[in-house]
PDB file of N, CA and C in Angstrom:
ATOM      1  N   MET A   1      13.367  27.275  36.030  1.00  0.00           N
ATOM      2  CA  MET A   1      14.008  26.870  34.715  1.00  0.00           C
ATOM      3  C   MET A   1      14.255  27.920  34.004  1.00  0.00           C
ATOM      4  N   ILE A   2      13.494  29.218  33.896  1.00  0.00           N
ATOM      5  CA  ILE A   2      13.726  30.236  32.877  1.00  0.00           C
ATOM      6  C   ILE A   2      15.184  31.120  33.477  1.00  0.00           C
ATOM      7  N   ASP A   3      15.369  31.049  34.773  1.00  0.00           N
ATOM      8  CA  ASP A   3      16.195  31.540  35.538  1.00  0.00           C
ATOM      9  C   ASP A   3      17.719  31.086  35.112  1.00  0.00           C
ATOM     10  N   ALA A   4      17.516  29.683  35.340  1.00  0.00           N
ATOM     11  CA  ALA A   4      18.851  28.901  34.774  1.00  0.00           C
ATOM     12  C   ALA A   4      19.134  29.073  33.322  1.00  0.00           C
ATOM     13  N   LEU A   5      18.140  29.234  32.484  1.00  0.00           N
ATOM     14  CA  LEU A   5      18.532  29.420  30.973  1.00  0.00           C
ATOM     15  C   LEU A   5      19.128  30.848  30.823  1.00  0.00           C
ATOM     16  N   ALA A   6      18.427  31.806  31.473  1.00  0.00           N
ATOM     17  CA  ALA A   6      19.003  33.274  31.419  1.00  0.00           C
ATOM     18  C   ALA A   6      20.248  33.485  31.975  1.00  0.00           C
ATOM     19  N   ALA A   7      20.616  32.612  32.746  1.00  0.00           N
ATOM     20  CA  ALA A   7      22.044  32.537  33.575  1.00  0.00           C
ATOM     21  C   ALA A   7      23.269  32.422  32.487  1.00  0.00           C
ATOM     22  N   GLY A   8      22.870  31.615  31.614  1.00  0.00           N
ATOM     23  CA  GLY A   8      24.091  31.457  30.570  1.00  0.00           C
ATOM     24  C   GLY A   8      24.141  29.896  30.509  1.00  0.00           C
ATOM     25  N   PRO A   9      24.876  29.709  29.418  1.00  0.00           N
ATOM     26  CA  PRO A   9      25.182  28.020  29.234  1.00  0.00           C
ATOM     27  C   PRO A   9      26.288  27.423  30.147  1.00  0.00           C
ATOM     28  N   VAL A  10      27.157  28.284  30.558  1.00  0.00           N
ATOM     29  CA  VAL A  10      28.447  27.944  31.440  1.00  0.00           C
ATOM     30  C   VAL A  10      27.502  27.668  32.880  1.00  0.00           C
ATOM     31  N   ASP A  11      26.801  28.619  33.465  1.00  0.00           N
ATOM     32  CA  ASP A  11      26.057  28.180  34.834  1.00  0.00           C
ATOM     33  C   ASP A  11      25.030  27.132  34.440  1.00  0.00           C
ATOM     34  N   LEU A  12      24.623  26.969  33.490  1.00  0.00           N
ATOM     35  CA  LEU A  12      23.581  25.927  33.214  1.00  0.00           C
ATOM     36  C   LEU A  12      24.325  24.564  33.374  1.00  0.00           C
ATOM     37  N   LEU A  13      25.501  24.426  32.627  1.00  0.00           N
ATOM     38  CA  LEU A  13      26.309  23.402  32.626  1.00  0.00           C
ATOM     39  C   LEU A  13      26.667  22.913  34.300  1.00  0.00           C
ATOM     40  N   ALA A  14      27.244  24.272  34.899  1.00  0.00           N
ATOM     41  CA  ALA A  14      27.755  23.945  36.138  1.00  0.00           C
ATOM     42  C   ALA A  14      26.644  23.415  37.171  1.00  0.00           C
ATOM     43  N   THR A  15      25.592  23.555  36.809  1.00  0.00           N
ATOM     44  CA  THR A  15      24.518  22.983  37.907  1.00  0.00           C
ATOM     45  C   THR A  15      23.835  21.657  37.374  1.00  0.00           C
ATOM     46  N   ARG A  16      23.752  21.505  36.093  1.00  0.00           N
ATOM     47  CA  ARG A  16      23.298  20.452  35.424  1.00  0.00           C
ATOM     48  C   ARG A  16      24.469  19.799  34.660  1.00  0.00           C
ATOM     49  N   SER A  17      25.516  19.208  35.489  1.00  0.00           N
ATOM     50  CA  SER A  17      26.658  18.586  34.860  1.00  0.00           C
ATOM     51  C   SER A  17      26.263  17.240  33.853  1.00  0.00           C
ATOM     52  N   TYR A  18      25.025  16.739  34.289  1.00  0.00           N
ATOM     53  CA  TYR A  18      24.809  15.548  33.559  1.00  0.00           C
ATOM     54  C   TYR A  18      24.538  15.556  32.056  1.00  0.00           C
ATOM     55  N   TYR A  19      24.388  16.846  31.967  1.00  0.00           N
ATOM     56  CA  TYR A  19      24.255  17.143  30.400  1.00  0.00           C
ATOM     57  C   TYR A  19      25.525  16.982  29.630  1.00  0.00           C
ATOM     58  N   ALA A  20      26.657  17.465  30.279  1.00  0.00           N
ATOM     59  CA  ALA A  20      28.021  17.242  29.607  1.00  0.00           C
ATOM     60  C   ALA A  20      28.331  15.806  29.625  1.00  0.00           C
ATOM     61  N   GLY A  21      28.153  15.154  30.629  1.00  0.00           N
ATOM     62  CA  GLY A  21      28.184  13.682  30.585  1.00  0.00           C
ATOM     63  C   GLY A  21      27.488  12.922  29.620  1.00  0.00           C
ATOM     64  N   THR A  22      26.219  13.422  29.412  1.00  0.00           N
ATOM     65  CA  THR A  22      25.449  12.993  28.404  1.00  0.00           C
ATOM     66  C   THR A  22      26.113  13.162  27.054  1.00  0.00           C
ATOM     67  N   ALA A  23      26.417  14.037  26.808  1.00  0.00           N
ATOM     68  CA  ALA A  23      27.059  14.654  25.501  1.00  0.00           C
ATOM     69  C   ALA A  23      28.491  14.238  25.129  1.00  0.00           C
ATOM     70  N   LEU A  24      29.274  13.773  26.275  1.00  0.00           N
ATOM     71  CA  LEU A  24      30.470  13.074  26.054  1.00  0.00           C
ATOM     72  C   LEU A  24      30.301  11.734  25.881  1.00  0.00           C
ATOM     73  N   LEU A  25      29.365  10.882  26.683  1.00  0.00           N
ATOM     74  CA  LEU A  25      29.114   9.703  26.225  1.00  0.00           C
ATOM     75  C   LEU A  25      28.525   9.222  24.757  1.00  0.00           C
ATOM     76  N   LEU A  26      27.522  10.144  24.385  1.00  0.00           N
ATOM     77  CA  LEU A  26      27.116  10.079  23.136  1.00  0.00           C
ATOM     78  C   LEU A  26      28.016  10.302  21.922  1.00  0.00           C
ATOM     79  N   GLY A  27      29.159  11.436  22.346  1.00  0.00           N
ATOM     80  CA  GLY A  27      30.157  11.643  21.270  1.00  0.00           C
ATOM     81  C   GLY A  27      31.097  10.581  21.343  1.00  0.00           C
ATOM     82  N   ILE A  28      31.392  10.128  22.315  1.00  0.00           N
ATOM     83  CA  ILE A  28      32.536   9.050  22.367  1.00  0.00           C
ATOM     84  C   ILE A  28      31.667   7.676  21.711  1.00  0.00           C
ATOM     85  N   GLY A  29      30.613   7.419  21.963  1.00  0.00           N
ATOM     86  CA  GLY A  29      30.050   6.157  21.340  1.00  0.00           C
ATOM     87  C   GLY A  29      29.841   6.414  20.062  1.00  0.00           C
ATOM     88  N   ALA A  30      29.114   7.348  19.551  1.00  0.00           N
ATOM     89  CA  ALA A  30      29.231   7.786  17.976  1.00  0.00           C
ATOM     90  C   ALA A  30      30.553   7.587  17.354  1.00  0.00           C
ATOM     91  N   TYR A  31      31.407   8.108  18.121  1.00  0.00           N
ATOM     92  CA  TYR A  31      32.971   8.362  17.278  1.00  0.00           C
ATOM     93  C   TYR A  31      33.166   6.791  17.253  1.00  0.00           C
ATOM     94  N   VAL A  32      33.404   6.086  18.251  1.00  0.00           N
ATOM     95  CA  VAL A  32      33.658   4.702  18.308  1.00  0.00           C
ATOM     96  C   VAL A  32      33.065   3.707  17.039  1.00  0.00           C
ATOM     97  N   MET A  33      31.577   4.062  16.971  1.00  0.00           N
ATOM     98  CA  MET A  33      31.020   3.363  16.092  1.00  0.00           C
ATOM     99  C   MET A  33      31.170   3.600  14.616  1.00  0.00           C
ATOM    100  N   ILE A  34      31.659   4.924  14.405  1.00  0.00           N
ATOM    101  CA  ILE A  34      32.044   5.306  12.818  1.00  0.00           C
ATOM    102  C   ILE A  34      33.416   5.036  12.883  1.00  0.00           C
ATOM    103  N   ALA A  35      34.296   5.278  13.431  1.00  0.00           N
ATOM    104  CA  ALA A  35      35.811   5.207  13.426  1.00  0.00           C
ATOM    105  C   ALA A  35      36.367   3.988  13.305  1.00  0.00           C
ATOM    106  N   SER A  36      36.035   3.117  14.140  1.00  0.00           N
ATOM    107  CA  SER A  36      36.504   1.732  14.373  1.00  0.00           C
ATOM    108  C   SER A  36      35.902   0.900  13.277  1.00  0.00           C
ATOM    109  N   PRO A  37      37.021   0.102  12.614  1.00  0.00           N
ATOM    110  CA  PRO A  37      36.663  -0.874  11.590  1.00  0.00           C
ATOM    111  C   PRO A  37      36.322  -2.184  12.163  1.00  0.00           C
ATOM    112  N   ASN A  38      36.555  -2.439  13.545  1.00  0.00           N
ATOM    113  CA  ASN A  38      36.693  -3.780  14.259  1.00  0.00           C
ATOM    114  C   ASN A  38      35.025  -3.599  14.763  1.00  0.00           C
ATOM    115  N   LEU A  39      34.545  -4.973  14.290  1.00  0.00           N
ATOM    116  CA  LEU A  39      33.131  -5.047  14.809  1.00  0.00           C
ATOM    117  C   LEU A  39      32.680  -5.128  16.294  1.00  0.00           C
ATOM    118  N   VAL A  40      33.697  -5.607  16.938  1.00  0.00           N
ATOM    119  CA  VAL A  40      33.487  -5.629  18.426  1.00  0.00           C
ATOM    120  C   VAL A  40      33.638  -4.494  18.955  1.00  0.00           C
ATOM    121  N   LYS A  41      34.221  -3.562  18.545  1.00  0.00           N
ATOM    122  CA  LYS A  41      34.492  -2.137  19.003  1.00  0.00           C
ATOM    123  C   LYS A  41      33.481  -1.395  18.760  1.00  0.00           C
ATOM    124  N   LYS A  42      32.515  -1.684  17.544  1.00  0.00           N
ATOM    125  CA  LYS A  42      31.569  -1.046  17.072  1.00  0.00           C
ATOM    126  C   LYS A  42      30.486  -1.317  18.017  1.00  0.00           C
ATOM    127  N   VAL A  43      30.462  -2.641  18.478  1.00  0.00           N
ATOM    128  CA  VAL A  43      29.100  -3.001  19.635  1.00  0.00           C
ATOM    129  C   VAL A  43      29.535  -2.243  20.927  1.00  0.00           C
ATOM    130  N   ILE A  44      30.820  -2.409  21.074  1.00  0.00           N
ATOM    131  CA  ILE A  44      31.208  -1.420  22.562  1.00  0.00           C
ATOM    132  C   ILE A  44      30.640   0.037  22.174  1.00  0.00           C
ATOM    133  N   GLY A  45      31.074   0.622  21.371  1.00  0.00           N
ATOM    134  CA  GLY A  45      30.481   2.019  21.130  1.00  0.00           C
ATOM    135  C   GLY A  45      29.082   2.175  20.996  1.00  0.00           C
ATOM    136  N   MET A  46      28.336   1.133  20.459  1.00  0.00           N
ATOM    137  CA  MET A  46      26.970   1.428  20.569  1.00  0.00           C
ATOM    138  C   MET A  46      26.588   1.144  22.183  1.00  0.00           C
ATOM    139  N   ASN A  47      27.185   0.422  22.833  1.00  0.00           N
ATOM    140  CA  ASN A  47      26.715   0.512  24.391  1.00  0.00           C
ATOM    141  C   ASN A  47      26.958   1.779  25.172  1.00  0.00           C
ATOM    142  N   ILE A  48      28.230   2.192  24.680  1.00  0.00           N
ATOM    143  CA  ILE A  48      28.442   3.473  25.226  1.00  0.00           C
ATOM    144  C   ILE A  48      27.405   4.553  24.741  1.00  0.00           C
ATOM    145  N   PHE A  49      27.063   4.472  23.603  1.00  0.00           N
ATOM    146  CA  PHE A  49      26.012   5.487  23.131  1.00  0.00           C
ATOM    147  C   PHE A  49      24.723   5.310  23.964  1.00  0.00           C
ATOM    148  N   GLN A  50      24.290   4.067  24.160  1.00  0.00           N
ATOM    149  CA  GLN A  50      23.128   3.626  24.901  1.00  0.00           C
ATOM    150  C   GLN A  50      23.233   4.193  26.242  1.00  0.00           C
ATOM    151  N   THR A  51      24.327   4.208  26.899  1.00  0.00           N
ATOM    152  CA  THR A  51      24.521   4.506  28.129  1.00  0.00           C
ATOM    153  C   THR A  51      24.388   6.238  28.308  1.00  0.00           C
ATOM    154  N   GLY A  52      24.822   6.919  27.320  1.00  0.00           N
ATOM    155  CA  GLY A  52      24.588   8.346  27.318  1.00  0.00           C
ATOM    156  C   GLY A  52      22.980   8.590  27.219  1.00  0.00           C
ATOM    157  N   ILE A  53      22.380   7.857  26.485  1.00  0.00           N
ATOM    158  CA  ILE A  53      20.744   8.039  26.303  1.00  0.00           C
ATOM    159  C   ILE A  53      20.280   7.620  27.596  1.00  0.00           C
ATOM    160  N   PHE A  54      20.682   6.478  28.221  1.00  0.00           N
ATOM    161  CA  PHE A  54      19.989   6.157  29.563  1.00  0.00           C
ATOM    162  C   PHE A  54      20.267   7.515  30.503  1.00  0.00           C
ATOM    163  N   LEU A  55      21.482   7.970  30.822  1.00  0.00           N
ATOM    164  CA  LEU A  55      21.729   8.920  31.575  1.00  0.00           C
ATOM    165  C   LEU A  55      21.016  10.013  31.204  1.00  0.00           C
ATOM    166  N   PHE A  56      20.545  10.468  30.093  1.00  0.00           N
ATOM    167  CA  PHE A  56      19.786  11.741  29.646  1.00  0.00           C
ATOM    168  C   PHE A  56      18.513  11.436  30.150  1.00  0.00           C
ATOM    169  N   PHE A  57      17.916  10.287  29.830  1.00  0.00           N
ATOM    170  CA  PHE A  57      16.654  10.223  30.484  1.00  0.00           C
ATOM    171  C   PHE A  57      16.420  10.123  31.868  1.00  0.00           C
ATOM    172  N   ILE A  58      17.291   9.515  32.475  1.00  0.00           N
ATOM    173  CA  ILE A  58      17.176   9.478  34.104  1.00  0.00           C
ATOM    174  C   ILE A  58      17.538  10.744  34.688  1.00  0.00           C
ATOM    175  N   ALA A  59      18.642  11.532  34.271  1.00  0.00           N
ATOM    176  CA  ALA A  59      18.667  12.709  34.643  1.00  0.00           C
ATOM    177  C   ALA A  59      17.693  13.863  34.284  1.00  0.00           C
ATOM    178  N   SER A  60      17.185  13.554  33.053  1.00  0.00           N
ATOM    179  CA  SER A  60      16.125  14.864  33.090  1.00  0.00           C
ATOM    180  C   SER A  60      14.732  14.671  33.940  1.00  0.00           C
ATOM    181  N   ALA A  61      14.512  13.146  34.396  1.00  0.00           N
ATOM    182  CA  ALA A  61      13.424  12.819  35.137  1.00  0.00           C
ATOM    183  C   ALA A  61      13.532  13.341  36.564  1.00  0.00           C
ATOM    184  N   TYR A  62      14.638  13.928  36.915  1.00  0.00           N
ATOM    185  CA  TYR A  62      14.999  14.257  38.228  1.00  0.00           C
ATOM    186  C   TYR A  62      14.132  15.616  38.541  1.00  0.00           C
ATOM    187  N   VAL A  63      13.549  15.492  39.772  1.00  0.00           N
ATOM    188  CA  VAL A  63      12.522  16.813  40.271  1.00  0.00           C
ATOM    189  C   VAL A  63      13.403  17.044  41.571  1.00  0.00           C
ATOM    190  N   GLU A  64      13.696  18.505  41.502  1.00  0.00           N
ATOM    191  CA  GLU A  64      14.154  18.860  42.902  1.00  0.00           C
ATOM    192  C   GLU A  64      13.035  18.634  44.021  1.00  0.00           C
ATOM    193  N   GLY A  65      13.416  18.063  45.135  1.00  0.00           N
ATOM    194  CA  GLY A  65      12.720  18.264  46.402  1.00  0.00           C
ATOM    195  C   GLY A  65      11.361  17.241  46.291  1.00  0.00           C
ATOM    196  N   ALA A  66      11.523  16.366  45.141  1.00  0.00           N
ATOM    197  CA  ALA A  66      10.203  15.468  45.021  1.00  0.00           C
ATOM    198  C   ALA A  66      10.609  14.369  45.789  1.00  0.00           C
ATOM    199  N   LYS A  67       9.202  13.455  46.055  1.00  0.00           N
ATOM    200  CA  LYS A  67       9.263  12.277  46.912  1.00  0.00           C
ATOM    201  C   LYS A  67       8.951  11.438  46.053  1.00  0.00           C
ATOM    202  N   SER A  68       9.142   9.959  46.527  1.00  0.00           N
ATOM    203  CA  SER A  68       8.786   8.807  45.798  1.00  0.00           C
ATOM    204  C   SER A  68       7.224   8.880  45.715  1.00  0.00           C
ATOM    205  N   PRO A  69       6.653   8.244  44.642  1.00  0.00           N
ATOM    206  CA  PRO A  69       5.336   8.365  44.459  1.00  0.00           C
ATOM    207  C   PRO A  69       4.259   7.287  45.255  1.00  0.00           C
ATOM    208  N   ILE A  70       4.732   6.860  46.302  1.00  0.00           N
ATOM    209  CA  ILE A  70       3.915   6.348  47.228  1.00  0.00           C
ATOM    210  C   ILE A  70       3.099   7.127  47.852  1.00  0.00           C
ATOM    211  N   VAL A  71       1.864   6.990  47.513  1.00  0.00           N
ATOM    212  CA  VAL A  71       1.010   8.100  48.006  1.00  0.00           C
ATOM    213  C   VAL A  71       0.182   7.502  49.291  1.00  0.00           C
ATOM    214  N   GLY A  72       0.529   8.181  50.439  1.00  0.00           N
ATOM    215  CA  GLY A  72      -0.521   7.774  51.621  1.00  0.00           C
ATOM    216  C   GLY A  72      -1.549   8.888  51.900  1.00  0.00           C
ATOM    217  N   PRO A  73      -2.427   8.809  53.043  1.00  0.00           N
ATOM    218  CA  PRO A  73      -3.378   9.549  53.370  1.00  0.00           C
ATOM    219  C   PRO A  73      -2.875  11.000  53.563  1.00  0.00           C
ATOM    220  N   LYS A  74      -1.642  11.260  54.111  1.00  0.00           N
ATOM    221  CA  LYS A  74      -1.099  12.557  54.213  1.00  0.00           C
ATOM    222  C   LYS A  74      -0.250  13.163  53.379  1.00  0.00           C
ATOM    223  N   ALA A  75       0.066  12.537  52.113  1.00  0.00           N
ATOM    224  CA  ALA A  75       0.912  12.764  51.088  1.00  0.00           C
ATOM    225  C   ALA A  75       0.645  14.201  50.320  1.00  0.00           C
ATOM    226  N   THR A  76       1.941  14.857  50.382  1.00  0.00           N
ATOM    227  CA  THR A  76       1.696  16.243  49.854  1.00  0.00           C
ATOM    228  C   THR A  76       2.977  16.563  49.014  1.00  0.00           C
ATOM    229  N   GLY A  77       2.950  17.442  48.047  1.00  0.00           N
ATOM    230  CA  GLY A  77       4.188  17.746  47.320  1.00  0.00           C
ATOM    231  C   GLY A  77       4.508  17.301  46.140  1.00  0.00           C
ATOM    232  N   PRO A  78       5.509  17.661  45.503  1.00  0.00           N
ATOM    233  CA  PRO A  78       5.685  16.868  43.958  1.00  0.00           C
ATOM    234  C   PRO A  78       6.042  15.726  44.122  1.00  0.00           C
ATOM    235  N   PHE A  79       5.757  14.753  43.328  1.00  0.00           N
ATOM    236  CA  PHE A  79       6.061  13.483  43.436  1.00  0.00           C
ATOM    237  C   PHE A  79       7.058  13.112  42.079  1.00  0.00           C
ATOM    238  N   VAL A  80       8.103  12.370  42.207  1.00  0.00           N
ATOM    239  CA  VAL A  80       8.653  11.597  41.115  1.00  0.00           C
ATOM    240  C   VAL A  80       7.855  10.756  40.279  1.00  0.00           C
ATOM    241  N   SER A  81       8.163  10.994  38.847  1.00  0.00           N
ATOM    242  CA  SER A  81       7.456   9.974  37.989  1.00  0.00           C
ATOM    243  C   SER A  81       8.185   8.762  38.070  1.00  0.00           C
ATOM    244  N   PRO A  82       7.688   7.669  38.232  1.00  0.00           N
ATOM    245  CA  PRO A  82       8.458   6.258  37.882  1.00  0.00           C
ATOM    246  C   PRO A  82       8.471   5.850  36.466  1.00  0.00           C
ATOM    247  N   LEU A  83       7.876   6.442  35.736  1.00  0.00           N
ATOM    248  CA  LEU A  83       7.797   5.934  34.352  1.00  0.00           C
ATOM    249  C   LEU A  83       9.128   6.126  33.609  1.00  0.00           C
ATOM    250  N   PRO A  84      10.106   7.327  33.558  1.00  0.00           N
ATOM    251  CA  PRO A  84      11.277   7.248  32.899  1.00  0.00           C
ATOM    252  C   PRO A  84      12.114   6.029  33.651  1.00  0.00           C
ATOM    253  N   HIS A  85      11.990   5.763  34.838  1.00  0.00           N
ATOM    254  CA  HIS A  85      12.988   4.783  35.114  1.00  0.00           C
ATOM    255  C   HIS A  85      12.473   3.323  34.888  1.00  0.00           C
ATOM    256  N   VAL A  86      11.127   3.223  34.550  1.00  0.00           N
ATOM    257  CA  VAL A  86      10.731   1.766  34.182  1.00  0.00           C
ATOM    258  C   VAL A  86      11.003   1.712  32.702  1.00  0.00           C
ATOM    259  N   LEU A  87      10.929   2.821  32.042  1.00  0.00           N
ATOM    260  CA  LEU A  87      11.394   2.633  30.289  1.00  0.00           C
ATOM    261  C   LEU A  87      12.911   2.448  30.371  1.00  0.00           C
ATOM    262  N   ILE A  88      13.676   3.008  31.306  1.00  0.00           N
ATOM    263  CA  ILE A  88      14.983   2.675  31.212  1.00  0.00           C
ATOM    264  C   ILE A  88      15.440   1.371  31.637  1.00  0.00           C
ATOM    265  N   LEU A  89      14.909   0.909  32.433  1.00  0.00           N
ATOM    266  CA  LEU A  89      14.864  -0.352  32.887  1.00  0.00           C
ATOM    267  C   LEU A  89      14.938  -1.511  31.751  1.00  0.00           C
ATOM    268  N   THR A  90      13.576  -1.359  31.091  1.00  0.00           N
ATOM    269  CA  THR A  90      13.366  -1.900  29.875  1.00  0.00           C
ATOM    270  C   THR A  90      14.296  -1.916  28.775  1.00  0.00           C
ATOM    271  N   ALA A  91      14.902  -0.619  28.487  1.00  0.00           N
ATOM    272  CA  ALA A  91      15.721  -0.316  27.621  1.00  0.00           C
ATOM    273  C   ALA A  91      17.245  -1.081  27.816  1.00  0.00           C
ATOM    274  N   ILE A  92      17.449  -1.105  29.288  1.00  0.00           N
ATOM    275  CA  ILE A  92      18.558  -1.603  29.517  1.00  0.00           C
ATOM    276  C   ILE A  92      18.613  -3.182  29.295  1.00  0.00           C
ATOM    277  N   VAL A  93      17.493  -3.825  29.607  1.00  0.00           N
ATOM    278  CA  VAL A  93      17.091  -5.286  29.291  1.00  0.00           C
ATOM    279  C   VAL A  93      17.369  -5.285  27.582  1.00  0.00           C
ATOM    280  N   VAL A  94      16.770  -4.368  26.979  1.00  0.00           N
ATOM    281  CA  VAL A  94      16.831  -4.670  25.597  1.00  0.00           C
ATOM    282  C   VAL A  94      18.169  -4.432  24.951  1.00  0.00           C
ATOM    283  N   GLY A  95      18.844  -3.545  25.673  1.00  0.00           N
ATOM    284  CA  GLY A  95      20.307  -3.289  25.194  1.00  0.00           C
ATOM    285  C   GLY A  95      21.011  -4.515  25.212  1.00  0.00           C
ATOM    286  N   VAL A  96      20.987  -5.198  26.437  1.00  0.00           N
ATOM    287  CA  VAL A  96      21.699  -6.362  26.973  1.00  0.00           C
ATOM    288  C   VAL A  96      21.383  -7.443  25.667  1.00  0.00           C
ATOM    289  N   SER A  97      20.287  -7.556  25.505  1.00  0.00           N
ATOM    290  CA  SER A  97      19.795  -8.611  24.561  1.00  0.00           C
ATOM    291  C   SER A  97      20.613  -8.315  23.260  1.00  0.00           C
ATOM    292  N   LEU A  98      20.425  -6.830  22.635  1.00  0.00           N
ATOM    293  CA  LEU A  98      21.085  -6.732  21.570  1.00  0.00           C
ATOM    294  C   LEU A  98      22.480  -6.979  21.384  1.00  0.00           C
ATOM    295  N   THR A  99      23.174  -6.535  22.509  1.00  0.00           N
ATOM    296  CA  THR A  99      24.635  -6.824  22.777  1.00  0.00           C
ATOM    297  C   THR A  99      24.945  -8.449  22.565  1.00  0.00           C
ATOM    298  N   ALA A 100      24.074  -9.263  23.280  1.00  0.00           N
ATOM    299  CA  ALA A 100      24.285 -10.441  23.095  1.00  0.00           C
ATOM    300  C   ALA A 100      24.200 -11.126  21.601  1.00  0.00           C
ATOM    301  N   VAL A 101      23.007 -10.750  20.936  1.00  0.00           N
ATOM    302  CA  VAL A 101      22.759 -11.188  19.647  1.00  0.00           C
ATOM    303  C   VAL A 101      23.827 -10.595  18.770  1.00  0.00           C
ATOM    304  N   ALA A 102      24.339  -9.227  18.909  1.00  0.00           N
ATOM    305  CA  ALA A 102      25.457  -8.673  17.984  1.00  0.00           C
ATOM    306  C   ALA A 102      26.798  -9.567  18.146  1.00  0.00           C
ATOM    307  N   LEU A 103      27.312  -9.922  19.568  1.00  0.00           N
ATOM    308  CA  LEU A 103      28.051 -10.467  19.907  1.00  0.00           C
ATOM    309  C   LEU A 103      28.148 -12.067  19.257  1.00  0.00           C
ATOM    310  N   GLY A 104      26.996 -12.694  19.279  1.00  0.00           N
ATOM    311  CA  GLY A 104      26.861 -14.028  18.612  1.00  0.00           C
ATOM    312  C   GLY A 104      26.991 -14.117  17.258  1.00  0.00           C
ATOM    313  N   LEU A 105      26.537 -12.925  16.578  1.00  0.00           N
ATOM    314  CA  LEU A 105      26.681 -12.836  14.975  1.00  0.00           C
ATOM    315  C   LEU A 105      28.055 -12.380  14.616  1.00  0.00           C
ATOM    316  N   ILE A 106      28.799 -11.733  15.721  1.00  0.00           N
ATOM    317  CA  ILE A 106      30.180 -11.557  15.424  1.00  0.00           C
ATOM    318  C   ILE A 106      31.080 -12.823  15.450  1.00  0.00           C
ATOM    319  N   VAL A 107      30.717 -13.615  16.248  1.00  0.00           N
ATOM    320  CA  VAL A 107      31.339 -15.004  16.423  1.00  0.00           C
ATOM    321  C   VAL A 107      30.986 -15.931  15.061  1.00  0.00           C
ATOM    322  N   ARG A 108      29.808 -15.741  14.530  1.00  0.00           N
ATOM    323  CA  ARG A 108      29.548 -16.419  13.423  1.00  0.00           C
ATOM    324  C   ARG A 108      30.290 -15.738  12.336  1.00  0.00           C
ATOM    325  N   VAL A 109      30.416 -14.670  12.257  1.00  0.00           N
ATOM    326  CA  VAL A 109      31.187 -13.991  11.027  1.00  0.00           C
ATOM    327  C   VAL A 109      32.714 -14.221  11.121  1.00  0.00           C
ATOM    328  N   TYR A 110      33.210 -14.140  12.482  1.00  0.00           N
ATOM    329  CA  TYR A 110      34.628 -14.668  12.515  1.00  0.00           C
ATOM    330  C   TYR A 110      34.738 -16.180  12.101  1.00  0.00           C
ATOM    331  N   ASN A 111      34.045 -16.801  12.415  1.00  0.00           N
ATOM    332  CA  ASN A 111      34.179 -18.314  12.088  1.00  0.00           C
ATOM    333  C   ASN A 111      34.113 -18.413  10.738  1.00  0.00           C
ATOM    334  N   GLU A 112      33.300 -17.763  10.217  1.00  0.00           N
ATOM    335  CA  GLU A 112      32.874 -18.033   8.805  1.00  0.00           C
ATOM    336  C   GLU A 112      34.036 -17.419   7.694  1.00  0.00           C
ATOM    337  N   TYR A 113      34.454 -15.954   8.260  1.00  0.00           N
ATOM    338  CA  TYR A 113      35.630 -15.094   7.329  1.00  0.00           C
ATOM    339  C   TYR A 113      36.810 -15.080   7.943  1.00  0.00           C
ATOM    340  N   GLY A 114      36.894 -15.335   9.329  1.00  0.00           N
ATOM    341  CA  GLY A 114      38.410 -15.281   9.737  1.00  0.00           C
ATOM    342  C   GLY A 114      38.909 -13.663  10.282  1.00  0.00           C
ATOM    343  N   THR A 115      37.798 -12.672  10.019  1.00  0.00           N
ATOM    344  CA  THR A 115      38.282 -11.620  10.554  1.00  0.00           C
ATOM    345  C   THR A 115      37.065 -10.587  11.012  1.00  0.00           C
ATOM    346  N   LEU A 116      37.301  -9.733  11.983  1.00  0.00           N
ATOM    347  CA  LEU A 116      36.432  -8.856  12.474  1.00  0.00           C
ATOM    348  C   LEU A 116      36.440  -7.434  11.774  1.00  0.00           C
ATOM    349  N   GLU A 117      37.397  -6.903  10.710  1.00  0.00           N
ATOM    350  CA  GLU A 117      37.459  -6.038  10.136  1.00  0.00           C
ATOM    351  C   GLU A 117      36.363  -5.644   9.312  1.00  0.00           C
ATOM    352  N   ALA A 118      35.527  -4.449   9.227  1.00  0.00           N
ATOM    353  CA  ALA A 118      34.595  -4.175   8.149  1.00  0.00           C
ATOM    354  C   ALA A 118      35.135  -4.197   6.889  1.00  0.00           C
ATOM    355  N   ASP A 119      36.117  -3.519   6.649  1.00  0.00           N
ATOM    356  CA  ASP A 119      36.544  -3.385   5.049  1.00  0.00           C
ATOM    357  C   ASP A 119      37.232  -4.602   4.659  1.00  0.00           C
ATOM    358  N   VAL A 120      37.886  -5.333   5.551  1.00  0.00           N
ATOM    359  CA  VAL A 120      38.218  -6.800   4.906  1.00  0.00           C
ATOM    360  C   VAL A 120      37.011  -7.592   4.555  1.00  0.00           C
ATOM    361  N   LEU A 121      35.881  -7.356   5.392  1.00  0.00           N
ATOM    362  CA  LEU A 121      34.519  -8.253   5.139  1.00  0.00           C
ATOM    363  C   LEU A 121      34.201  -7.826   3.818  1.00  0.00           C
ATOM    364  N   GLN A 122      33.936  -6.450   3.594  1.00  0.00           N
ATOM    365  CA  GLN A 122      33.558  -5.858   2.262  1.00  0.00           C
ATOM    366  C   GLN A 122      34.117  -6.496   1.085  1.00  0.00           C
ATOM    367  N   GLU A 123      35.671  -6.589   1.293  1.00  0.00           N
ATOM    368  CA  GLU A 123      36.320  -7.089   0.141  1.00  0.00           C
ATOM    369  C   GLU A 123      36.101  -8.713  -0.026  1.00  0.00           C
ATOM    370  N   VAL A 124      36.138  -9.299   0.947  1.00  0.00           N
ATOM    371  CA  VAL A 124      35.816 -10.718   1.002  1.00  0.00           C
ATOM    372  C   VAL A 124      34.355 -11.061   0.300  1.00  0.00           C
ATOM    373  N   ARG A 125      33.326 -10.243   0.785  1.00  0.00           N
ATOM    374  CA  ARG A 125      32.056 -10.183   0.295  1.00  0.00           C
ATOM    375  C   ARG A 125      31.956 -10.057  -1.086  1.00  0.00           C
ATOM    376  N   SER A 126      32.734  -8.968  -1.615  1.00  0.00           N
ATOM    377  CA  SER A 126      32.562  -8.675  -2.996  1.00  0.00           C
ATOM    378  C   SER A 126      33.031  -9.690  -3.799  1.00  0.00           C
ATOM    379  N   ASP A 127      34.303 -10.346  -3.532  1.00  0.00           N
ATOM    380  CA  ASP A 127      34.868 -11.458  -4.160  1.00  0.00           C
ATOM    381  C   ASP A 127      34.020 -12.539  -4.291  1.00  0.00           C
ATOM    382  N   ASP A 128      32.983 -12.998  -3.472  1.00  0.00           N
ATOM    383  CA  ASP A 128      32.292 -13.887  -3.289  1.00  0.00           C
ATOM    384  C   ASP A 128      30.835 -13.852  -4.731  1.00  0.00           C
TER     385      ASP A 128
END
């Protein structure tokens, strides 16, 4: 790992392109959440941001040359920890649930106010 850091950031990104993918997904997701006034687009941006976090955790759990953690009588070598994968599976379930609740609330907001634009909703709420 120290050799990879000493080689420079370009070489590090060339060997570990998932960091660039993670940064790209996090940036796109954050931009969509901040820049878009539409509530549905904000939920989509949140999902893109979550995907970037999932990619980061799974990619950082990768161990070169590691085996699955099924230990037998003659098992040797480095093993992959199953904990990050389990955590991400749980996070995916929570993310899907959060998306379902958010979209359900968005449907209720649209039925009540007739718009999904955040700035229009603020104006309508301030008038009430």
